[in-house]
């Protein structure tokens, strides 16, 4: 399965990122063809693409249609086959960057640039077979060379010799004057070599200026991305603060609900206690009513009534008084021994009725607190 990539434009996280380019390659691709026309860009994005292509099991073919400048000059070397048109242009130079700060910061930036240069030099050396000294000279001189020279220097493995294609490539080059110069270099026999070299030097300077402008634009886009990222992170922080506030309010409401639920449970328990006591009172009242009914029935019988009256009349008054005194003493001792320990017990001992209800309404908080202390 063949997968085609058109890498036209700057190489950075905004235009042609490693994630965008490499992420689109199918896992089952058996051949990858990358067509390149790029002024270069981010060294980091280029290294990520280069190594991903080198590690991929597919057969990789790179084709330079127009520029393979700066970062694109080592990205083209990822191909197992590297094809260039006769008048494709490869641009090699030392990496550069913007820097600010004190002297130590600037020295650190320079050291970092040396590390980047060594990484690029290592790729050039591995893939082209050129000597390290020649490559360093080439990078120091900021060298442009055509497709035919790219093959001689080991950057390309094949030249596409197609006049129609060369004309299309010349049209793709953004600087029309340089394209015209390329055609004149191939076809014109009227200009001298010195004239052509002078014009080429002017156009090379214009190309360098264009490259500087493209790099500045790339830097501006990178800053815009960082600003957007900072704004997004600020928005996320604000949302997190809002969420924390809402969670605090929710926790407070949950605590209030729990407290209210506990109060309802206490009142429900008290209601159940009162209901049980009411049932006991109803049962006791029913028993007393039955006894009263039976007593009334007994007294309605003249024989029983006479016997009761006779027994009462015959009993010695002294014995009755003594028995009454004894009963009163026992009752008093019992009352003292069984005096309520707390207000809850006092309430529990009270018979059902108006007094008990009034006692509850007056002392219900103290009664519930006492019940809570008991653990009931």
Protein backbone atom coordinates (compact mmCIF):
# COMPACT_ATOMS: atom_id res chain seq x y z
CA UNK A 1 0.00 0.00 0.00
CA UNK A 2 1.45 3.34 -1.08
CA UNK A 3 1.02 6.51 1.02
CA UNK A 4 1.77 9.94 -0.49
CA UNK A 5 2.78 13.02 1.54
CA UNK A 6 2.89 16.55 0.12
CA UNK A 7 5.18 18.59 2.36
CA UNK A 8 4.80 22.07 0.90
CA UNK A 9 5.44 25.03 3.20
CA UNK A 10 7.23 25.69 6.51
CA UNK A 11 7.92 22.86 8.98
CA UNK A 12 6.70 23.67 12.46
CA UNK A 13 3.91 22.89 14.92
CA UNK A 14 1.59 25.31 13.09
CA UNK A 15 2.00 24.42 9.39
CA UNK A 16 3.44 20.95 8.87
CA UNK A 17 3.98 19.29 12.25
CA UNK A 18 5.51 15.87 12.83
CA UNK A 19 2.27 14.75 14.50
CA UNK A 20 0.22 15.83 11.47
CA UNK A 21 2.51 14.32 8.83
CA UNK A 22 3.56 11.08 10.53
CA UNK A 23 0.22 10.53 12.25
CA UNK A 24 -1.51 10.32 8.84
CA UNK A 25 0.63 7.40 7.62
CA UNK A 26 -1.37 4.12 7.67
CA UNK A 27 0.15 1.33 9.75
CA UNK A 28 -0.01 -1.05 6.79
CA UNK A 29 1.78 1.29 4.34
CA UNK A 30 4.46 -0.54 2.36
CA UNK A 31 5.73 2.52 0.46
CA UNK A 32 5.85 6.18 1.52
CA UNK A 33 6.42 8.92 -1.06
CA UNK A 34 7.12 12.41 0.34
CA UNK A 35 7.20 15.33 -2.12
CA UNK A 36 9.08 18.29 -0.66
CA UNK A 37 8.93 22.02 -1.37
CA UNK A 38 9.79 23.75 1.91
CA UNK A 39 11.85 26.67 3.23
CA UNK A 40 12.50 24.66 6.39
CA UNK A 41 11.54 25.62 9.93
CA UNK A 42 11.66 23.91 13.32
CA UNK A 43 14.66 21.61 13.79
CA UNK A 44 12.76 19.62 16.44
CA UNK A 45 9.75 18.92 14.19
CA UNK A 46 12.12 17.99 11.34
CA UNK A 47 14.11 15.57 13.53
CA UNK A 48 10.88 13.90 14.70
CA UNK A 49 9.74 13.39 11.09
CA UNK A 50 13.19 12.21 9.96
CA UNK A 51 13.51 9.54 12.65
CA UNK A 52 9.89 8.40 12.29
CA UNK A 53 10.42 7.86 8.55
CA UNK A 54 13.75 6.10 9.10
CA UNK A 55 12.16 3.78 11.68
CA UNK A 56 9.13 2.96 9.52
CA UNK A 57 9.27 -0.49 7.87
CA UNK A 58 7.93 0.92 4.59
CA UNK A 59 10.16 1.79 1.62
CA UNK A 60 10.57 5.59 1.77
CA UNK A 61 11.03 7.78 -1.30
CA UNK A 62 11.66 11.54 -0.98
CA UNK A 63 11.27 13.83 -4.00
CA UNK A 64 12.42 17.46 -3.95
CA UNK A 65 10.06 19.38 -6.23
CA UNK A 66 11.30 22.89 -5.37
CA UNK A 67 13.19 23.80 -2.19
CA UNK A 68 14.68 21.46 0.36
CA UNK A 69 15.98 24.31 2.48
CA UNK A 70 17.28 24.36 6.04
CA UNK A 71 15.38 21.69 8.06
CA UNK A 72 14.01 20.20 4.84
CA UNK A 73 17.60 19.58 3.66
CA UNK A 74 18.11 16.82 6.25
CA UNK A 75 14.48 15.66 6.14
CA UNK A 76 14.96 14.72 2.46
CA UNK A 77 17.74 12.37 3.61
CA UNK A 78 15.16 10.13 5.35
CA UNK A 79 14.39 8.54 1.97
CA UNK A 80 15.73 5.13 0.99
CA UNK A 81 15.52 6.70 -2.46
CA UNK A 82 16.11 10.46 -2.75
CA UNK A 83 15.10 12.01 -6.03
CA UNK A 84 15.72 15.60 -7.16
CA UNK A 85 15.02 17.50 -10.35
CA UNK A 86 18.00 19.00 -12.05
CA UNK A 87 17.02 22.46 -10.84
CA UNK A 88 15.59 21.63 -7.45
CA UNK A 89 17.40 23.64 -4.80
CA UNK A 90 18.95 22.36 -1.58
CA UNK A 91 19.90 24.95 1.05
CA UNK A 92 22.33 24.04 3.87
CA UNK A 93 23.28 26.32 6.77
CA UNK A 94 24.00 26.37 10.49
CA UNK A 95 20.90 26.52 12.73
CA UNK A 96 19.97 29.88 14.18
CA UNK A 97 17.48 31.26 16.69
CA UNK A 98 16.23 34.36 18.47
CA UNK A 99 17.69 35.00 21.94
CA UNK A 100 17.49 37.56 24.71
CA UNK A 101 18.78 37.90 28.25
CA UNK A 102 22.10 38.44 29.98
CA UNK A 103 25.52 37.28 28.76
CA UNK A 104 25.20 33.85 30.37
CA UNK A 105 21.83 33.29 28.71
CA UNK A 106 23.21 34.27 25.31
CA UNK A 107 26.23 31.98 25.75
CA UNK A 108 23.85 29.17 26.69
CA UNK A 109 21.81 29.84 23.55
CA UNK A 110 24.99 29.65 21.47
CA UNK A 111 25.94 26.33 23.10
CA UNK A 112 22.47 24.98 22.34
CA UNK A 113 22.82 26.01 18.71
CA UNK A 114 26.10 24.07 18.53
CA UNK A 115 24.30 20.95 19.81
CA UNK A 116 21.63 21.35 17.10
CA UNK A 117 24.33 21.87 14.46
CA UNK A 118 26.13 18.68 15.54
CA UNK A 119 22.89 16.68 15.29
CA UNK A 120 22.22 17.95 11.76
CA UNK A 121 25.86 17.42 10.76
CA UNK A 122 25.68 13.81 11.96
CA UNK A 123 22.66 13.15 9.71
CA UNK A 124 24.40 14.77 6.73
CA UNK A 125 27.53 12.69 7.34
CA UNK A 126 25.66 9.38 7.74
CA UNK A 127 23.45 9.79 4.69
CA UNK A 128 25.70 11.59 2.18
CA UNK A 129 29.14 10.06 2.87
CA UNK A 130 30.76 13.49 2.74
CA UNK A 131 33.58 14.32 5.16
CA UNK A 132 32.79 16.20 8.34
CA UNK A 133 35.14 19.06 7.39
CA UNK A 134 33.50 19.57 3.99
CA UNK A 135 30.06 19.50 5.54
CA UNK A 136 31.05 22.04 8.21
CA UNK A 137 32.44 24.33 5.52
CA UNK A 138 29.23 23.97 3.55
CA UNK A 139 27.09 24.81 6.62
CA UNK A 140 29.32 27.75 7.57
CA UNK A 141 29.09 29.16 4.03
CA UNK A 142 25.26 28.85 3.97
CA UNK A 143 25.38 26.96 0.68
CA UNK A 144 22.73 26.68 -2.03
CA UNK A 145 23.20 23.96 -4.62
CA UNK A 146 21.11 22.58 -7.45
CA UNK A 147 19.74 19.09 -7.88
CA UNK A 148 22.65 17.92 -10.01
CA UNK A 149 25.07 19.00 -7.27
CA UNK A 150 22.88 17.37 -4.62
CA UNK A 151 23.45 14.01 -6.31
CA UNK A 152 27.19 14.61 -6.61
CA UNK A 153 27.38 15.45 -2.89
CA UNK A 154 25.38 12.40 -1.84
CA UNK A 155 22.21 14.25 -0.81
CA UNK A 156 20.26 12.66 -3.67
CA UNK A 157 20.38 9.19 -5.19
CA UNK A 158 18.64 10.01 -8.48
CA UNK A 159 18.08 12.97 -10.80
CA UNK A 160 14.67 13.40 -12.46
CA UNK A 161 15.60 14.68 -15.91
CA UNK A 162 12.30 16.00 -17.23
CA UNK A 163 12.19 19.40 -18.95
CA UNK A 164 8.43 19.82 -18.52
CA UNK A 165 8.71 19.02 -14.84
CA UNK A 166 11.60 21.49 -14.52
CA UNK A 167 9.41 24.25 -15.91
CA UNK A 168 6.68 23.44 -13.37
CA UNK A 169 9.26 23.52 -10.56
CA UNK A 170 10.51 26.92 -11.69
CA UNK A 171 6.92 28.22 -11.51
CA UNK A 172 6.57 26.88 -7.95
CA UNK A 173 9.54 28.87 -6.69
CA UNK A 174 8.06 31.96 -5.06
CA UNK A 175 10.79 34.29 -6.25
CA UNK A 176 10.06 34.62 -9.94
CA UNK A 177 13.31 36.39 -10.61
CA UNK A 178 15.28 33.43 -9.30
CA UNK A 179 13.21 31.07 -11.44
CA UNK A 180 13.95 33.17 -14.48
CA UNK A 181 17.63 33.13 -13.61
CA UNK A 182 17.54 29.32 -13.35
CA UNK A 183 16.10 29.02 -16.85
CA UNK A 184 18.61 31.50 -18.25
CA UNK A 185 21.44 29.57 -16.63
CA UNK A 186 20.28 26.45 -18.48
CA UNK A 187 19.34 27.93 -21.83
CA UNK A 188 20.95 31.30 -22.48
CA UNK A 189 24.17 31.47 -24.41
CA UNK A 190 24.19 35.27 -24.64
CA UNK A 191 25.24 36.09 -21.02
CA UNK A 192 28.76 35.60 -19.80
CA UNK A 193 29.55 33.32 -16.85
CA UNK A 194 30.52 36.36 -14.74
CA UNK A 195 27.18 38.03 -15.46
CA UNK A 196 25.28 34.89 -14.53
CA UNK A 197 27.30 34.44 -11.32
CA UNK A 198 26.69 38.09 -10.34
CA UNK A 199 22.95 37.73 -10.91
CA UNK A 200 22.98 34.43 -9.02
CA UNK A 201 24.68 36.13 -6.04
CA UNK A 202 21.98 38.84 -5.98
CA UNK A 203 19.22 36.27 -6.18
CA UNK A 204 20.87 34.14 -3.47
CA UNK A 205 20.79 37.20 -1.20
CA UNK A 206 17.11 37.70 -2.01
CA UNK A 207 16.46 34.06 -1.20
CA UNK A 208 18.29 34.44 2.12
CA UNK A 209 16.12 37.48 2.91
CA UNK A 210 13.00 35.51 2.02
CA UNK A 211 14.16 32.69 4.28
CA UNK A 212 14.68 35.17 7.14
CA UNK A 213 11.15 36.57 6.63
CA UNK A 214 9.67 33.06 6.60
CA UNK A 215 11.53 32.20 9.80
CA UNK A 216 10.27 35.40 11.46
CA UNK A 217 6.72 34.53 10.41
CA UNK A 218 7.18 31.06 11.84
CA UNK A 219 8.39 32.57 15.11
CA UNK A 220 5.35 34.88 15.22
CA UNK A 221 3.02 31.94 14.69
CA UNK A 222 4.75 30.02 17.47
CA UNK A 223 4.26 32.98 19.83
CA UNK A 224 0.59 33.20 18.86
CA UNK A 225 0.20 29.52 19.72
CA UNK A 226 1.88 30.04 23.11
CA UNK A 227 -0.39 33.03 23.84
CA UNK A 228 -3.48 31.00 22.93
CA UNK A 229 -2.25 28.14 25.11
CA UNK A 230 -1.73 30.49 28.08
CA UNK A 231 -5.21 31.95 27.61
CA UNK A 232 -6.69 28.44 27.47
CA UNK A 233 -4.86 27.41 30.66
CA UNK A 234 -6.11 30.57 32.40
CA UNK A 235 -9.68 29.71 31.41
CA UNK A 236 -9.23 26.18 32.76
CA UNK A 237 -7.93 27.57 36.08
CA UNK A 238 -10.95 29.87 36.37
CA UNK A 239 -13.31 26.96 35.72
CA UNK A 240 -11.50 24.87 38.34
CA UNK A 241 -11.87 27.70 40.91
CA UNK A 242 -15.57 27.94 40.08
CA UNK A 243 -15.94 24.18 40.45
CA UNK A 244 -14.22 24.30 43.86
CA UNK A 245 -16.62 27.03 45.05
CA UNK A 246 -19.64 25.04 43.88
CA UNK A 247 -18.30 21.92 45.60
CA UNK A 248 -17.92 23.87 48.88
CA UNK A 249 -21.52 25.08 48.63
CA UNK A 250 -22.65 21.52 47.87
CA UNK A 251 -20.77 20.21 50.92
CA UNK A 252 -22.44 22.84 53.14
CA UNK A 253 -25.87 21.95 51.76
CA UNK A 254 -25.15 18.24 52.30
CA UNK A 255 -24.18 18.90 55.93
CA UNK A 256 -27.40 20.90 56.47
CA UNK A 257 -29.47 18.09 54.97
CA UNK A 258 -27.72 15.56 57.23
CA UNK A 259 -28.46 17.72 60.31
CA UNK A 260 -32.10 18.13 59.29
CA UNK A 261 -32.39 14.39 58.65
CA UNK A 262 -31.03 13.68 62.15
CA UNK A 263 -33.63 16.03 63.65
CA UNK A 264 -36.39 14.31 61.68
CA UNK A 265 -35.14 10.94 62.90
CA UNK A 266 -35.22 12.18 66.51
CA UNK A 267 -38.77 13.50 66.10
CA UNK A 268 -39.84 10.27 64.42
CA UNK A 269 -38.41 8.27 67.31
CA UNK A 270 -40.24 10.51 69.83
CA UNK A 271 -43.46 10.12 67.85
CA UNK A 272 -43.09 6.34 67.88
CA UNK A 273 -42.48 6.42 71.66
CA UNK A 274 -45.60 8.54 72.22
CA UNK A 275 -47.64 6.27 69.94
CA UNK A 276 -46.52 3.22 71.92
CA UNK A 277 -47.41 4.87 75.21
CA UNK A 278 -50.78 5.90 73.79
CA UNK A 279 -51.47 2.30 72.87
CA UNK A 280 -50.59 1.27 76.43
CA UNK A 281 -52.97 3.90 77.82
CA UNK A 282 -55.73 2.69 75.51
CA UNK A 283 -55.16 -0.90 76.65
CA UNK A 284 -55.14 0.15 80.36
CA UNK A 285 -58.27 2.25 79.89
CA UNK A 286 -60.04 -0.65 78.25
CA UNK A 287 -59.10 -2.94 81.16
CA UNK A 288 -60.27 -0.38 83.70
CA UNK A 289 -63.54 0.06 81.83
CA UNK A 290 -64.06 -3.70 81.92
CA UNK A 291 -63.38 -3.84 85.67
CA UNK A 292 -65.74 -0.93 86.27
CA UNK A 293 -68.44 -2.62 84.24
CA UNK A 294 -68.00 -5.82 86.20
CA UNK A 295 -68.09 -3.89 89.53
CA UNK A 296 -71.29 -2.12 88.50
CA UNK A 297 -72.82 -5.43 87.56
CA UNK A 298 -71.84 -6.95 90.91
CA UNK A 299 -73.25 -4.04 92.89
CA UNK A 300 -76.47 -4.32 90.96
CA UNK A 301 -76.94 -7.75 92.61
CA UNK A 302 -78.63 -7.06 96.04
CA UNK A 303 -77.14 -10.15 97.67
CA UNK A 304 -73.57 -9.16 96.77
CA UNK A 305 -74.10 -5.55 97.78
CA UNK A 306 -75.52 -6.56 101.19
CA UNK A 307 -72.57 -8.89 101.82
CA UNK A 308 -70.09 -6.14 101.05
CA UNK A 309 -71.83 -3.66 103.27
CA UNK A 310 -72.09 -6.22 106.07
CA UNK A 311 -68.35 -7.05 105.88
CA UNK A 312 -67.50 -3.40 106.00
CA UNK A 313 -69.72 -2.69 108.97
CA UNK A 314 -68.37 -5.64 110.89
CA UNK A 315 -64.68 -4.81 110.45
CA UNK A 316 -63.11 -3.15 113.48
CA UNK A 317 -62.40 0.48 112.85
CA UNK A 318 -58.94 0.26 114.50
CA UNK A 319 -57.83 -2.50 112.15
CA UNK A 320 -58.98 -0.51 109.15
CA UNK A 321 -57.09 2.57 110.36
CA UNK A 322 -53.93 0.57 111.01
CA UNK A 323 -54.11 -1.02 107.61
CA UNK A 324 -54.64 2.36 106.01
CA UNK A 325 -51.64 3.84 107.86
CA UNK A 326 -49.49 0.89 106.85
CA UNK A 327 -50.55 1.15 103.24
CA UNK A 328 -49.81 4.88 103.25
CA UNK A 329 -46.32 4.28 104.72
CA UNK A 330 -45.54 1.61 102.13
CA UNK A 331 -46.75 3.83 99.35
CA UNK A 332 -44.61 6.73 100.56
CA UNK A 333 -41.53 4.50 100.87
CA UNK A 334 -42.19 3.11 97.42
CA UNK A 335 -42.58 6.58 95.95
CA UNK A 336 -39.31 7.72 97.54
CA UNK A 337 -37.47 4.60 96.33
CA UNK A 338 -38.91 4.91 92.86
CA UNK A 339 -38.45 8.66 92.43
CA UNK A 340 -37.55 9.41 88.79
CA UNK A 341 -33.81 9.65 88.03
CA UNK A 342 -34.18 12.23 85.30
CA UNK A 343 -36.77 14.18 83.34
CA UNK A 344 -37.13 11.40 80.77
CA UNK A 345 -38.09 8.88 83.47
CA UNK A 346 -40.44 11.42 85.03
CA UNK A 347 -42.17 11.80 81.66
CA UNK A 348 -42.34 8.05 81.12
CA UNK A 349 -44.03 7.50 84.51
CA UNK A 350 -46.75 10.05 83.95
CA UNK A 351 -50.14 8.59 83.01
CA UNK A 352 -51.55 9.52 79.64
CA UNK A 353 -53.66 12.59 79.60
CA UNK A 354 -53.67 16.37 79.40
CA UNK A 355 -50.97 16.75 82.10
CA UNK A 356 -48.62 14.44 80.26
CA UNK A 357 -49.10 16.26 76.95
CA UNK A 358 -48.52 19.63 78.63
CA UNK A 359 -45.38 18.25 80.33
CA UNK A 360 -44.12 17.06 76.89
CA UNK A 361 -44.77 20.40 75.15
CA UNK A 362 -42.99 22.29 77.96
CA UNK A 363 -39.95 19.98 78.30
CA UNK A 364 -39.62 18.22 74.93
CA UNK A 365 -36.10 19.55 74.17
CA UNK A 366 -34.82 18.42 77.59
CA UNK A 367 -36.58 15.05 77.17
CA UNK A 368 -35.03 14.50 73.68
CA UNK A 369 -31.58 15.56 74.97
CA UNK A 370 -31.91 13.09 77.86
CA UNK A 371 -32.95 10.36 75.42
CA UNK A 372 -29.94 11.18 73.25
CA UNK A 373 -27.61 10.88 76.27
CA UNK A 374 -29.07 7.48 77.05
CA UNK A 375 -28.33 6.46 73.47
CA UNK A 376 -31.99 5.68 72.78
